[in-house]
Protein backbone atom coordinates (compact mmCIF):
# COMPACT_ATOMS: atom_id res chain seq x y z
CA UNK A 1 -80.27 63.37 -114.83
CA UNK A 2 -82.99 65.96 -114.45
CA UNK A 3 -86.79 65.88 -114.30
CA UNK A 4 -89.20 68.24 -116.03
CA UNK A 5 -92.95 68.73 -116.40
CA UNK A 6 -94.93 70.46 -119.16
CA UNK A 7 -98.46 71.83 -119.16
CA UNK A 8 -99.41 70.83 -122.73
CA UNK A 9 -102.60 72.95 -123.27
CA UNK A 10 -100.96 75.95 -121.59
CA UNK A 11 -97.75 75.53 -123.60
CA UNK A 12 -95.76 76.02 -120.43
CA UNK A 13 -92.90 74.21 -118.77
CA UNK A 14 -93.85 74.21 -115.10
CA UNK A 15 -91.03 72.32 -113.39
CA UNK A 16 -87.31 71.59 -113.74
CA UNK A 17 -85.30 69.74 -111.12
CA UNK A 18 -81.52 69.29 -111.26
CA UNK A 19 -81.28 70.99 -114.66
CA UNK A 20 -77.65 71.94 -113.99
CA UNK A 21 -76.64 68.30 -114.41
CA UNK A 22 -77.65 68.42 -118.06
CA UNK A 23 -77.70 72.00 -119.22
CA UNK A 24 -75.32 73.86 -116.93
CA UNK A 25 -78.20 76.25 -116.21
CA UNK A 26 -80.66 76.33 -113.31
CA UNK A 27 -84.22 75.12 -113.72
CA UNK A 28 -85.49 78.54 -112.60
CA UNK A 29 -83.52 80.27 -115.35
CA UNK A 30 -84.79 77.83 -117.96
CA UNK A 31 -88.39 78.45 -116.87
CA UNK A 32 -87.82 82.21 -117.16
CA UNK A 33 -86.33 81.77 -120.63
CA UNK A 34 -89.30 79.69 -121.76
CA UNK A 35 -92.07 81.85 -120.26
CA UNK A 36 -92.49 84.16 -123.33
CA UNK A 37 -92.95 81.12 -125.60
CA UNK A 38 -96.31 80.29 -123.97
CA UNK A 39 -97.89 83.25 -125.75
CA UNK A 40 -96.96 81.97 -129.22
CA UNK A 41 -99.20 80.04 -131.57
CA UNK A 42 -98.80 76.23 -131.30
CA UNK A 43 -96.54 75.92 -134.39
CA UNK A 44 -94.45 78.90 -133.28
CA UNK A 45 -94.25 77.49 -129.75
CA UNK A 46 -93.02 74.12 -130.99
CA UNK A 47 -90.40 75.75 -133.23
CA UNK A 48 -89.18 78.06 -130.46
CA UNK A 49 -88.89 75.27 -127.88
CA UNK A 50 -87.11 73.01 -130.37
CA UNK A 51 -84.60 75.76 -131.21
CA UNK A 52 -84.03 76.43 -127.50
CA UNK A 53 -83.48 72.81 -126.46
CA UNK A 54 -82.45 70.59 -129.35
CA UNK A 55 -80.08 70.13 -132.27
CA UNK A 56 -81.68 70.53 -135.74
CA UNK A 57 -80.23 67.19 -136.77
CA UNK A 58 -82.42 65.42 -134.20
CA UNK A 59 -85.72 66.92 -135.35
CA UNK A 60 -86.95 63.65 -136.89
CA UNK A 61 -86.39 61.61 -133.72
CA UNK A 62 -88.01 64.29 -131.56
CA UNK A 63 -90.98 64.64 -133.92
CA UNK A 64 -91.61 60.88 -133.86
CA UNK A 65 -91.46 60.86 -130.06
CA UNK A 66 -93.99 63.69 -129.76
CA UNK A 67 -96.40 61.87 -132.08
CA UNK A 68 -96.35 59.03 -129.57
CA UNK A 69 -96.89 61.40 -126.64
CA UNK A 70 -99.84 63.16 -128.28
CA UNK A 71 -101.32 59.71 -128.96
CA UNK A 72 -101.13 59.01 -125.23
CA UNK A 73 -98.15 56.68 -125.29
CA UNK A 74 -94.78 57.03 -123.46
CA UNK A 75 -91.76 57.74 -125.65
CA UNK A 76 -87.98 57.53 -125.41
CA UNK A 77 -85.41 59.06 -127.75
CA UNK A 78 -81.80 60.19 -127.99
CA UNK A 79 -80.94 63.77 -128.90
CA UNK A 80 -78.37 66.52 -128.46
CA UNK A 81 -79.79 68.91 -125.91
CA UNK A 82 -78.97 72.39 -124.65
CA UNK A 83 -80.70 75.31 -122.94
CA UNK A 84 -80.53 78.40 -125.14
CA UNK A 85 -76.88 79.28 -125.54
CA UNK A 86 -75.35 76.35 -123.61
CA UNK A 87 -73.33 73.58 -125.27
CA UNK A 88 -75.05 70.56 -126.79
CA UNK A 89 -75.04 67.38 -124.69
CA UNK A 90 -76.06 63.92 -125.87
CA UNK A 91 -79.03 62.78 -123.80
CA UNK A 92 -81.66 60.09 -123.46
CA UNK A 93 -85.13 61.54 -122.90
CA UNK A 94 -87.96 59.43 -121.44
CA UNK A 95 -91.35 61.11 -121.48
CA UNK A 96 -94.76 59.96 -120.15
CA UNK A 97 -98.02 61.77 -120.98
CA UNK A 98 -100.64 62.41 -118.30
CA UNK A 99 -104.12 61.90 -119.77
CA UNK A 100 -107.50 63.43 -118.95
CA UNK A 101 -110.58 62.30 -120.87
CA UNK A 102 -108.34 60.67 -123.45
CA UNK A 103 -106.35 63.84 -124.07
CA UNK A 104 -102.71 64.45 -122.98
CA UNK A 105 -102.74 67.44 -120.63
CA UNK A 106 -99.29 67.14 -119.09
CA UNK A 107 -96.09 65.30 -119.74
CA UNK A 108 -93.39 64.35 -117.26
CA UNK A 109 -89.91 63.58 -118.50
CA UNK A 110 -86.49 62.45 -117.34
CA UNK A 111 -83.38 63.65 -119.18
CA UNK A 112 -80.24 61.53 -118.70
CA UNK A 113 -76.78 62.82 -119.60
CA UNK A 114 -75.11 60.29 -121.93
CA UNK A 115 -72.62 62.67 -123.48
CA UNK A 116 -69.50 60.92 -122.21
CA UNK A 117 -70.71 57.55 -123.47
CA UNK A 118 -71.69 58.91 -126.89
CA UNK A 119 -68.40 60.75 -127.37
CA UNK A 120 -66.36 57.71 -126.31
CA UNK A 121 -68.35 55.53 -128.71
CA UNK A 122 -67.74 58.03 -131.52
CA UNK A 123 -64.01 58.04 -130.80
CA UNK A 124 -63.95 54.24 -130.98
CA UNK A 125 -65.92 54.34 -134.24
CA UNK A 126 -63.46 56.79 -135.79
CA UNK A 127 -60.47 54.76 -134.60
CA UNK A 128 -62.02 51.57 -135.99
CA UNK A 129 -62.12 53.16 -139.47
CA UNK A 130 -58.48 54.33 -139.51
CA UNK A 131 -55.34 52.53 -140.61
CA UNK A 132 -52.97 52.67 -137.65
CA UNK A 133 -49.81 53.05 -139.73
CA UNK A 134 -50.78 55.69 -142.30
CA UNK A 135 -53.64 57.45 -140.51
CA UNK A 136 -55.77 57.12 -143.65
CA UNK A 137 -59.09 55.30 -143.78
CA UNK A 138 -58.82 51.52 -143.56
CA UNK A 139 -60.89 49.08 -145.62
CA UNK A 140 -63.93 49.35 -143.36
CA UNK A 141 -63.69 53.15 -143.33
CA UNK A 142 -63.24 53.25 -147.10
CA UNK A 143 -66.37 51.17 -147.67
CA UNK A 144 -68.45 53.49 -145.50
CA UNK A 145 -67.02 56.64 -147.08
CA UNK A 146 -67.42 55.35 -150.62
CA UNK A 147 -71.06 54.50 -150.03
CA UNK A 148 -71.72 57.92 -148.51
CA UNK A 149 -69.92 59.76 -151.32
CA UNK A 150 -71.65 57.85 -154.11
CA UNK A 151 -75.07 58.13 -152.47
CA UNK A 152 -74.66 61.90 -152.24
CA UNK A 153 -73.13 62.21 -155.71
CA UNK A 154 -76.38 62.69 -157.68
CA UNK A 155 -75.06 61.03 -160.84
CA UNK A 156 -71.69 62.78 -160.96
CA UNK A 157 -68.90 61.01 -162.83
CA UNK A 158 -65.94 59.93 -160.68
CA UNK A 159 -62.55 58.33 -161.19
CA UNK A 160 -61.90 55.25 -159.07
CA UNK A 161 -58.15 54.78 -158.76
CA UNK A 162 -56.39 51.78 -157.21
CA UNK A 163 -52.74 52.19 -156.28
CA UNK A 164 -50.18 49.50 -155.50
CA UNK A 165 -46.84 50.10 -153.80
CA UNK A 166 -44.33 48.12 -155.87
CA UNK A 167 -42.10 45.45 -154.36
CA UNK A 168 -43.19 45.85 -150.74
CA UNK A 169 -42.31 42.23 -150.00
CA UNK A 170 -38.82 42.72 -151.43
CA UNK A 171 -38.37 45.86 -149.33
CA UNK A 172 -39.43 43.96 -146.21
CA UNK A 173 -37.21 40.97 -147.03
CA UNK A 174 -34.06 42.91 -147.94
CA UNK A 175 -34.33 46.11 -145.88
CA UNK A 176 -36.49 45.05 -142.95
CA UNK A 177 -40.11 45.67 -141.96
CA UNK A 178 -39.30 49.10 -140.57
CA UNK A 179 -38.17 50.12 -144.07
CA UNK A 180 -41.38 48.60 -145.41
CA UNK A 181 -43.41 50.74 -143.02
CA UNK A 182 -41.44 53.81 -144.07
CA UNK A 183 -42.14 52.99 -147.72
CA UNK A 184 -45.88 52.69 -147.00
CA UNK A 185 -45.81 56.01 -145.18
CA UNK A 186 -43.94 57.71 -148.02
CA UNK A 187 -46.39 56.28 -150.54
CA UNK A 188 -49.51 57.26 -148.57
CA UNK A 189 -48.17 60.76 -147.90
CA UNK A 190 -47.42 61.22 -151.59
CA UNK A 191 -50.94 60.12 -152.54
CA UNK A 192 -52.40 62.70 -150.16
CA UNK A 193 -50.03 65.39 -151.45
CA UNK A 194 -50.53 64.75 -155.16
CA UNK A 195 -54.31 64.21 -154.95
CA UNK A 196 -55.55 66.86 -152.48
CA UNK A 197 -58.97 66.88 -154.16
CA UNK A 198 -59.59 63.19 -153.40
CA UNK A 199 -63.09 62.76 -152.03
CA UNK A 200 -62.13 59.40 -150.52
CA UNK A 201 -58.62 58.09 -149.89
CA UNK A 202 -57.36 55.21 -147.82
CA UNK A 203 -55.43 51.98 -147.49
CA UNK A 204 -57.43 49.13 -148.97
CA UNK A 205 -55.10 46.58 -147.42
CA UNK A 206 -51.48 45.49 -147.50
CA UNK A 207 -49.74 47.49 -150.23
CA UNK A 208 -52.92 48.69 -151.99
CA UNK A 209 -54.62 52.07 -151.70
CA UNK A 210 -57.89 53.43 -153.08
CA UNK A 211 -58.88 56.94 -154.16
CA UNK A 212 -62.16 58.42 -155.39
CA UNK A 213 -61.44 61.48 -157.53
CA UNK A 214 -63.13 63.90 -159.90
CA UNK A 215 -62.88 62.71 -163.55
CA UNK A 216 -59.41 64.11 -164.26
CA UNK A 217 -58.22 64.49 -167.82
CA UNK A 218 -55.84 61.70 -168.74
CA UNK A 219 -52.90 64.05 -169.31
CA UNK A 220 -53.42 65.72 -165.94
CA UNK A 221 -53.72 62.36 -164.23
CA UNK A 222 -50.50 61.09 -165.79
CA UNK A 223 -48.68 64.25 -164.69
CA UNK A 224 -49.82 63.55 -161.12
CA UNK A 225 -48.65 59.93 -161.36
CA UNK A 226 -45.23 60.58 -162.86
CA UNK A 227 -43.44 61.02 -159.49
CA UNK A 228 -44.70 57.57 -158.48
CA UNK A 229 -43.15 56.06 -161.59
CA UNK A 230 -39.88 57.97 -161.19
CA UNK A 231 -39.54 56.97 -157.53
CA UNK A 232 -40.50 58.92 -154.42
CA UNK A 233 -37.31 58.21 -152.49
CA UNK A 234 -34.12 56.24 -153.01
CA UNK A 235 -33.63 54.05 -149.92
CA UNK A 236 -35.65 52.01 -150.56
CA UNK A 237 -36.89 53.01 -154.01
CA UNK A 238 -40.63 53.63 -153.70
CA UNK A 239 -42.64 53.38 -156.90
CA UNK A 240 -46.26 52.57 -157.63
CA UNK A 241 -48.59 50.99 -160.15
CA UNK A 242 -52.12 52.25 -160.78
CA UNK A 243 -55.37 51.04 -162.27
CA UNK A 244 -58.37 53.24 -162.85
CA UNK A 245 -61.89 53.40 -164.18
CA UNK A 246 -64.73 55.89 -164.36
CA UNK A 247 -67.98 55.32 -162.56
CA UNK A 248 -71.20 57.22 -162.04
CA UNK A 249 -72.64 57.96 -158.61
CA UNK A 250 -74.71 55.28 -156.95
CA UNK A 251 -73.58 52.38 -154.80
CA UNK A 252 -74.80 49.85 -157.40
CA UNK A 253 -72.02 51.04 -159.74
CA UNK A 254 -69.27 50.48 -157.18
CA UNK A 255 -68.74 46.73 -157.34
CA UNK A 256 -68.39 46.44 -161.15
CA UNK A 257 -66.24 49.59 -161.18
CA UNK A 258 -63.94 48.16 -158.52
CA UNK A 259 -63.60 44.96 -160.55
CA UNK A 260 -62.64 46.97 -163.66
CA UNK A 261 -60.11 49.06 -161.72
CA UNK A 262 -58.66 45.92 -160.11
CA UNK A 263 -58.20 44.29 -163.50
CA UNK A 264 -56.53 47.46 -164.79
CA UNK A 265 -54.24 47.49 -161.76
CA UNK A 266 -53.33 43.85 -162.37
CA UNK A 267 -52.43 44.74 -165.95
CA UNK A 268 -50.30 47.67 -164.75
CA UNK A 269 -48.51 45.56 -162.12
CA UNK A 270 -47.26 43.20 -164.81
CA UNK A 271 -45.42 46.16 -166.40
CA UNK A 272 -44.73 48.10 -163.21
CA UNK A 273 -44.38 50.89 -162.54
CA UNK A 274 -47.29 51.57 -164.87
CA UNK A 275 -50.82 52.91 -165.22
CA UNK A 276 -53.76 51.28 -166.95
CA UNK A 277 -57.27 52.60 -167.45
CA UNK A 278 -60.15 50.17 -167.87
CA UNK A 279 -62.40 51.06 -170.84
CA UNK A 280 -65.97 51.95 -169.91
CA UNK A 281 -68.85 52.44 -172.30
CA UNK A 282 -69.96 55.82 -171.00
CA UNK A 283 -66.55 57.46 -170.64
CA UNK A 284 -64.38 59.13 -173.25
CA UNK A 285 -61.47 56.79 -172.63
CA UNK A 286 -62.12 53.65 -174.73
CA UNK A 287 -58.54 52.35 -174.90
CA UNK A 288 -56.16 51.36 -172.14
CA UNK A 289 -53.45 53.94 -171.64
CA UNK A 290 -50.02 52.40 -172.29
CA UNK A 291 -47.89 51.78 -169.22
CA UNK A 292 -44.69 53.67 -168.61
């Protein structure tokens, strides 16, 4: 960790101790870098110091902390920190204002290096959202990615496609679980290959996969699906059944859309390998597409 002090009215950092532990740069060098900023106007000074030290993505947390400091209250926050051109490091910053006549005139802070902990946590989070066999998103990862994609979609129409690997139990029973794993891998790889534009793709669970796609024309979609109906490999034969529906952006539309796609998939699985599209009021497809 390192310790720093700021002269608030003078817009001047006056002290840095052990800065190398955080920034890889000496406190003396940091003070020299910051010296010209003291001659800026207050808004320019704040912008220059923020650009020098912090990641733009942490501006909200830093702004909230400084509101507390200017109100005379201590503040703590997490942010990615650097010193000019050094690399960003995840840190915890604890700052205490020094008051005179009810006005903050100085602030003293401690910066703690938490980069290793944050990066390890992020690795665990990523691993927790991945299916170990296929490397695609697992159910938990799919839920998070679907919500993010639909929230950011701004009303765009999407195609929700559910895919089912046919006869996985039979493959496991007659050819062994290793063959079943190979079939799942072949199926997931083919989904990735034939739908490179998928915004979200992953293993929903067991032998089912989920994709969020642009609203493909039915003919184009069926062309993409034909290899799954014809068989992706021979030993064992890997084929798939699919159910789809259109949905608009917004997380509220996801649950009913998933139910429609699931019902369409169930219909397709009865005639597998097949494809069925659930009719939706606001889409151009009002009739289920016949299975193959």
